[in-house]
Amino acid sequence: MRAESANYSGVRRMKIKLNGRKVGNRCIASYFQNRAYFTKKGLTKRTVLHELYHHLVCSKGLELPVRAEEKEADQYSRSFPTKPY
């Protein structure tokens, strides 16, 4: 995420860590305290957008049930086109 997009959304930039130790078993990515941790396999556009949604929710101070937040994060990541035109 570039500085311009962070200014646009009004939140701090999310830090991305590749092969972070915070990624649990059978997970490809996780978000914790302004940092997104990814495995090499999990560093895809859709996964980054999914974790970005968690960052936006956390930064704005919203409190959602875990299942609802996961469902909305999936919908958010799917709402972007997969191929540029």
Protein backbone atom coordinates (compact mmCIF):
# COMPACT_ATOMS: atom_id res chain seq x y z
CA MET A 1 0.00 0.00 0.00
CA ARG A 2 1.49 3.31 -1.05
CA ALA A 3 1.54 6.46 1.05
CA GLU A 4 -1.03 8.11 -1.24
CA SER A 5 -3.60 5.39 -0.64
CA ALA A 6 -2.96 5.55 3.11
CA ASN A 7 -3.66 9.28 3.02
CA TYR A 8 -6.77 8.68 0.91
CA SER A 9 -8.32 6.26 3.40
CA GLY A 10 -7.15 8.25 6.43
CA VAL A 11 -5.34 5.37 8.15
CA ARG A 12 -1.72 4.50 8.85
CA ARG A 13 0.10 2.32 6.38
CA MET A 14 -0.03 -1.39 7.05
CA LYS A 15 3.35 -3.08 7.38
CA ILE A 16 3.79 -6.28 5.40
CA LYS A 17 6.05 -9.07 6.63
CA LEU A 18 6.89 -11.97 4.35
CA ASN A 19 7.32 -15.37 6.00
CA GLY A 20 6.41 -13.87 9.34
CA ARG A 21 6.44 -16.15 12.36
CA LYS A 22 2.97 -14.98 13.35
CA VAL A 23 1.37 -16.97 10.53
CA GLY A 24 -0.22 -20.00 12.16
CA ASN A 25 -0.45 -23.57 10.94
CA ARG A 26 -2.51 -24.06 7.79
CA CYS A 27 -2.79 -20.29 7.36
CA ILE A 28 -1.36 -18.30 4.47
CA ALA A 29 -1.70 -14.87 6.09
CA SER A 30 -2.67 -13.14 9.32
CA TYR A 31 -3.12 -9.59 10.59
CA PHE A 32 -2.04 -8.43 14.04
CA GLN A 33 -1.39 -4.91 15.39
CA ASN A 34 -0.82 -2.93 12.17
CA ARG A 35 1.17 -5.75 10.55
CA ALA A 36 0.14 -8.30 7.96
CA TYR A 37 2.13 -11.53 7.90
CA PHE A 38 2.20 -13.65 4.74
CA THR A 39 3.76 -16.88 3.59
CA LYS A 40 5.29 -16.86 0.12
CA LYS A 41 2.31 -18.84 -1.13
CA GLY A 42 -0.12 -16.42 0.49
CA LEU A 43 1.26 -13.21 -1.00
CA THR A 44 -1.45 -12.72 -3.62
CA LYS A 45 -3.56 -9.72 -4.53
CA ARG A 46 -6.69 -11.24 -3.03
CA THR A 47 -5.00 -12.17 0.25
CA VAL A 48 -3.39 -8.74 0.59
CA LEU A 49 -6.81 -7.10 0.05
CA HIS A 50 -8.35 -9.45 2.63
CA GLU A 51 -5.76 -8.45 5.24
CA LEU A 52 -6.10 -4.79 4.22
CA TYR A 53 -9.79 -5.01 5.14
CA HIS A 54 -8.82 -6.25 8.62
CA HIS A 55 -6.39 -3.31 8.85
CA LEU A 56 -9.12 -0.81 7.90
CA VAL A 57 -11.54 -2.27 10.46
CA CYS A 58 -8.88 -2.18 13.18
CA SER A 59 -7.69 1.33 12.29
CA LYS A 60 -11.20 2.77 12.29
CA GLY A 61 -11.94 1.16 15.66
CA LEU A 62 -14.85 -0.94 14.44
CA GLU A 63 -15.82 -4.00 16.42
CA LEU A 64 -17.34 -6.84 14.43
CA PRO A 65 -17.94 -10.47 15.30
CA VAL A 66 -15.07 -12.59 13.98
CA ARG A 67 -17.17 -14.55 11.48
CA ALA A 68 -18.86 -11.40 10.17
CA GLU A 69 -15.51 -9.65 9.75
CA GLU A 70 -14.05 -12.64 7.88
CA LYS A 71 -17.07 -12.83 5.59
CA GLU A 72 -16.91 -9.10 4.82
CA ALA A 73 -13.14 -9.29 4.27
CA ASP A 74 -13.70 -12.06 1.70
CA GLN A 75 -16.39 -10.00 -0.04
CA TYR A 76 -14.09 -6.96 -0.05
CA SER A 77 -11.23 -8.89 -1.63
CA ARG A 78 -13.54 -10.38 -4.27
CA SER A 79 -15.00 -6.98 -5.19
CA PHE A 80 -11.83 -5.96 -7.08
CA PRO A 81 -11.34 -7.12 -10.67
CA THR A 82 -8.88 -9.95 -11.07
CA LYS A 83 -7.37 -8.76 -14.35
CA PRO A 84 -6.68 -5.17 -15.38
CA TYR A 85 -8.42 -4.02 -18.55
